[in-house]
């Protein structure tokens, strides 16, 4: 029996300042990938807690609509749930 696991990696460019800040919040036993996933989970949790927190005025609704549609893609709760 052979189990093949393919791991894809991507290189990203960040400034030394950003690297140093990430290094400060990264746990000793945590990879940078694990750190990014942890930060995304925290962000997802924070965003979900704010859904429906208040009724938007017409002006706020217009602003929200412009913020949530970028490059032809509409962001919604199901998109946020994809982040695990």
N, C-alpha and C. Protein backbone atom coordinates (compact mmCIF):
# COMPACT_ATOMS: atom_id res chain seq x y z
N UNK A 1 0.84 -1.17 0.00
CA UNK A 1 0.00 0.00 0.00
C UNK A 1 0.90 1.24 0.00
N UNK A 2 0.58 2.17 -0.87
CA UNK A 2 1.35 3.41 -0.98
C UNK A 2 0.42 4.58 -0.76
N UNK A 3 0.79 5.47 0.15
CA UNK A 3 0.02 6.69 0.39
C UNK A 3 0.87 7.86 -0.07
N UNK A 4 0.37 8.57 -1.05
CA UNK A 4 1.10 9.72 -1.58
C UNK A 4 0.45 11.00 -1.08
N UNK A 5 1.26 11.87 -0.54
CA UNK A 5 0.77 13.16 -0.07
C UNK A 5 1.51 14.23 -0.85
N UNK A 6 0.77 15.05 -1.54
CA UNK A 6 1.37 16.15 -2.30
C UNK A 6 1.15 17.44 -1.53
N UNK A 7 2.23 18.11 -1.22
CA UNK A 7 2.15 19.37 -0.50
C UNK A 7 2.57 20.47 -1.46
N UNK A 8 1.70 21.42 -1.65
CA UNK A 8 2.00 22.55 -2.52
C UNK A 8 2.46 23.69 -1.65
N UNK A 9 3.47 24.37 -2.09
CA UNK A 9 3.92 25.54 -1.35
C UNK A 9 3.98 26.73 -2.29
N UNK A 10 3.83 27.90 -1.71
CA UNK A 10 3.91 29.16 -2.44
C UNK A 10 4.84 30.09 -1.67
N UNK A 11 5.63 30.82 -2.40
CA UNK A 11 6.49 31.82 -1.78
C UNK A 11 5.77 33.15 -1.77
N UNK A 12 5.86 33.85 -0.66
CA UNK A 12 5.30 35.20 -0.58
C UNK A 12 6.40 36.14 -0.13
N UNK A 13 6.28 37.38 -0.53
CA UNK A 13 7.28 38.38 -0.17
C UNK A 13 6.69 39.31 0.89
N UNK A 14 7.39 39.44 2.00
CA UNK A 14 6.97 40.36 3.05
C UNK A 14 8.19 41.18 3.49
N UNK A 15 7.94 42.32 4.05
CA UNK A 15 9.05 43.16 4.53
C UNK A 15 9.61 42.57 5.82
N UNK A 16 10.80 42.97 6.17
CA UNK A 16 11.43 42.50 7.40
C UNK A 16 10.60 42.91 8.61
N UNK A 17 10.02 44.10 8.54
CA UNK A 17 9.18 44.59 9.64
C UNK A 17 7.99 43.65 9.88
N UNK A 18 7.32 43.24 8.80
CA UNK A 18 6.19 42.31 8.92
C UNK A 18 6.68 40.96 9.43
N UNK A 19 7.79 40.47 8.89
CA UNK A 19 8.36 39.19 9.33
C UNK A 19 8.64 39.22 10.84
N UNK A 20 9.26 40.30 11.31
CA UNK A 20 9.58 40.41 12.74
C UNK A 20 8.32 40.40 13.60
N UNK A 21 7.26 41.08 13.13
CA UNK A 21 6.01 41.10 13.89
C UNK A 21 5.36 39.72 13.92
N UNK A 22 5.39 39.03 12.78
CA UNK A 22 4.84 37.67 12.74
C UNK A 22 5.63 36.73 13.63
N UNK A 23 6.93 36.89 13.62
CA UNK A 23 7.80 36.04 14.45
C UNK A 23 7.49 36.21 15.93
N UNK A 24 7.12 37.42 16.34
CA UNK A 24 6.79 37.68 17.74
C UNK A 24 5.51 36.97 18.19
N UNK A 25 4.56 36.80 17.27
CA UNK A 25 3.29 36.17 17.67
C UNK A 25 3.24 34.69 17.33
N UNK A 26 4.24 34.20 16.62
CA UNK A 26 4.31 32.79 16.25
C UNK A 26 4.74 31.96 17.46
N UNK A 27 4.03 30.87 17.72
CA UNK A 27 4.42 29.96 18.80
C UNK A 27 5.66 29.17 18.39
N UNK A 28 6.44 28.73 19.37
CA UNK A 28 7.68 27.99 19.10
C UNK A 28 7.45 26.73 18.28
N UNK A 29 6.37 26.03 18.55
CA UNK A 29 6.11 24.76 17.87
C UNK A 29 5.20 24.93 16.66
N UNK A 30 5.11 26.13 16.13
CA UNK A 30 4.17 26.45 15.07
C UNK A 30 4.90 26.89 13.80
N UNK A 31 4.49 26.36 12.67
CA UNK A 31 5.04 26.82 11.40
C UNK A 31 4.34 28.12 11.02
N UNK A 32 4.88 28.82 10.04
CA UNK A 32 4.22 30.03 9.58
C UNK A 32 2.87 29.71 8.96
N UNK A 33 2.77 28.58 8.28
CA UNK A 33 1.47 28.16 7.73
C UNK A 33 0.46 27.98 8.85
N UNK A 34 0.88 27.34 9.93
CA UNK A 34 -0.01 27.16 11.09
C UNK A 34 -0.40 28.50 11.69
N UNK A 35 0.56 29.42 11.76
CA UNK A 35 0.29 30.76 12.29
C UNK A 35 -0.77 31.46 11.44
N UNK A 36 -0.61 31.43 10.11
CA UNK A 36 -1.57 32.09 9.23
C UNK A 36 -2.96 31.47 9.38
N UNK A 37 -3.02 30.15 9.48
CA UNK A 37 -4.32 29.50 9.68
C UNK A 37 -4.95 29.92 11.00
N UNK A 38 -4.13 30.02 12.04
CA UNK A 38 -4.64 30.45 13.35
C UNK A 38 -5.18 31.87 13.28
N UNK A 39 -4.44 32.75 12.63
CA UNK A 39 -4.87 34.14 12.50
C UNK A 39 -6.15 34.25 11.67
N UNK A 40 -6.26 33.45 10.62
CA UNK A 40 -7.48 33.46 9.81
C UNK A 40 -8.68 32.95 10.59
N UNK A 41 -8.47 31.94 11.46
CA UNK A 41 -9.57 31.44 12.29
C UNK A 41 -10.03 32.53 13.26
N UNK A 42 -9.09 33.25 13.84
CA UNK A 42 -9.44 34.34 14.77
C UNK A 42 -10.21 35.41 14.02
N UNK A 43 -9.76 35.77 12.83
CA UNK A 43 -10.45 36.78 12.04
C UNK A 43 -11.85 36.31 11.67
N UNK A 44 -11.98 35.06 11.24
CA UNK A 44 -13.29 34.50 10.88
C UNK A 44 -14.23 34.57 12.07
N UNK A 45 -13.74 34.18 13.23
CA UNK A 45 -14.56 34.18 14.43
C UNK A 45 -15.01 35.61 14.76
N UNK A 46 -14.09 36.56 14.65
CA UNK A 46 -14.42 37.96 14.95
C UNK A 46 -15.45 38.49 13.97
N UNK A 47 -15.31 38.15 12.70
CA UNK A 47 -16.26 38.62 11.69
C UNK A 47 -17.64 38.02 11.92
N UNK A 48 -17.70 36.73 12.22
CA UNK A 48 -18.99 36.08 12.40
C UNK A 48 -19.75 36.67 13.58
N UNK A 49 -19.05 37.09 14.61
CA UNK A 49 -19.71 37.67 15.78
C UNK A 49 -20.36 39.00 15.46
N UNK A 50 -19.91 39.68 14.41
CA UNK A 50 -20.46 41.00 14.08
C UNK A 50 -21.61 40.93 13.09
N UNK A 51 -21.84 39.78 12.43
CA UNK A 51 -22.94 39.68 11.48
C UNK A 51 -24.27 39.91 12.19
N UNK A 52 -25.05 40.83 11.67
CA UNK A 52 -26.37 41.11 12.23
C UNK A 52 -26.34 41.86 13.54
N UNK A 53 -25.20 42.45 13.89
CA UNK A 53 -25.08 43.14 15.17
C UNK A 53 -25.91 44.42 15.21
N UNK A 54 -26.11 45.06 14.07
CA UNK A 54 -26.94 46.26 14.03
C UNK A 54 -27.59 46.38 12.66
N UNK A 55 -28.66 47.16 12.62
CA UNK A 55 -29.32 47.42 11.35
C UNK A 55 -28.58 48.53 10.62
N UNK A 56 -28.25 48.28 9.37
CA UNK A 56 -27.52 49.26 8.58
C UNK A 56 -28.47 50.32 8.03
N UNK A 57 -28.01 51.57 8.05
CA UNK A 57 -28.77 52.61 7.38
C UNK A 57 -28.61 52.42 5.87
N UNK A 58 -29.36 53.15 5.09
CA UNK A 58 -29.27 53.03 3.63
C UNK A 58 -27.85 53.37 3.16
N UNK A 59 -27.27 54.43 3.74
CA UNK A 59 -25.90 54.83 3.38
C UNK A 59 -24.89 53.74 3.77
N UNK A 60 -25.03 53.18 4.98
CA UNK A 60 -24.14 52.11 5.42
C UNK A 60 -24.29 50.87 4.55
N UNK A 61 -25.52 50.56 4.14
CA UNK A 61 -25.77 49.41 3.26
C UNK A 61 -25.06 49.61 1.93
N UNK A 62 -25.11 50.82 1.37
CA UNK A 62 -24.41 51.12 0.12
C UNK A 62 -22.90 50.94 0.28
N UNK A 63 -22.36 51.41 1.40
CA UNK A 63 -20.92 51.26 1.66
C UNK A 63 -20.58 49.78 1.79
N UNK A 64 -21.39 49.03 2.55
CA UNK A 64 -21.14 47.60 2.74
C UNK A 64 -21.16 46.86 1.41
N UNK A 65 -22.15 47.19 0.57
CA UNK A 65 -22.25 46.53 -0.73
C UNK A 65 -21.00 46.78 -1.57
N UNK A 66 -20.47 47.99 -1.53
CA UNK A 66 -19.25 48.30 -2.29
C UNK A 66 -18.04 47.57 -1.71
N UNK A 67 -17.99 47.42 -0.40
CA UNK A 67 -16.86 46.74 0.24
C UNK A 67 -16.87 45.24 0.00
N UNK A 68 -18.05 44.65 -0.10
CA UNK A 68 -18.13 43.19 -0.20
C UNK A 68 -18.08 42.68 -1.63
N UNK A 69 -18.05 43.55 -2.59
CA UNK A 69 -17.94 43.12 -3.99
C UNK A 69 -16.63 43.66 -4.54
N UNK A 70 -15.70 42.75 -4.80
CA UNK A 70 -14.38 43.13 -5.31
C UNK A 70 -14.04 42.26 -6.50
N UNK A 71 -13.53 42.88 -7.55
CA UNK A 71 -13.09 42.18 -8.75
C UNK A 71 -14.12 41.18 -9.25
N UNK A 72 -15.39 41.58 -9.24
CA UNK A 72 -16.44 40.72 -9.75
C UNK A 72 -16.83 39.59 -8.84
N UNK A 73 -16.29 39.55 -7.63
CA UNK A 73 -16.63 38.47 -6.70
C UNK A 73 -17.41 39.04 -5.53
N UNK A 74 -18.49 38.42 -5.21
CA UNK A 74 -19.29 38.82 -4.08
C UNK A 74 -18.92 37.96 -2.88
N UNK A 75 -18.53 38.57 -1.78
CA UNK A 75 -18.16 37.84 -0.57
C UNK A 75 -19.40 37.68 0.29
N UNK A 76 -19.57 36.49 0.81
CA UNK A 76 -20.69 36.26 1.72
C UNK A 76 -20.25 35.30 2.81
N UNK A 77 -21.16 35.00 3.71
CA UNK A 77 -20.81 34.15 4.85
C UNK A 77 -20.25 32.80 4.43
N UNK A 78 -20.78 32.22 3.35
CA UNK A 78 -20.28 30.92 2.93
C UNK A 78 -18.82 30.98 2.51
N UNK A 79 -18.37 32.12 1.97
CA UNK A 79 -16.96 32.28 1.61
C UNK A 79 -16.09 32.28 2.87
N UNK A 80 -16.58 32.91 3.91
CA UNK A 80 -15.82 32.97 5.16
C UNK A 80 -15.71 31.58 5.78
N UNK A 81 -16.76 30.78 5.64
CA UNK A 81 -16.74 29.44 6.21
C UNK A 81 -15.71 28.53 5.55
N UNK A 82 -15.25 28.91 4.34
CA UNK A 82 -14.24 28.10 3.67
C UNK A 82 -12.90 28.17 4.40
N UNK A 83 -12.69 29.21 5.20
CA UNK A 83 -11.43 29.37 5.94
C UNK A 83 -11.53 28.51 7.18
N UNK A 84 -10.69 27.53 7.28
CA UNK A 84 -10.74 26.63 8.45
C UNK A 84 -9.41 26.56 9.14
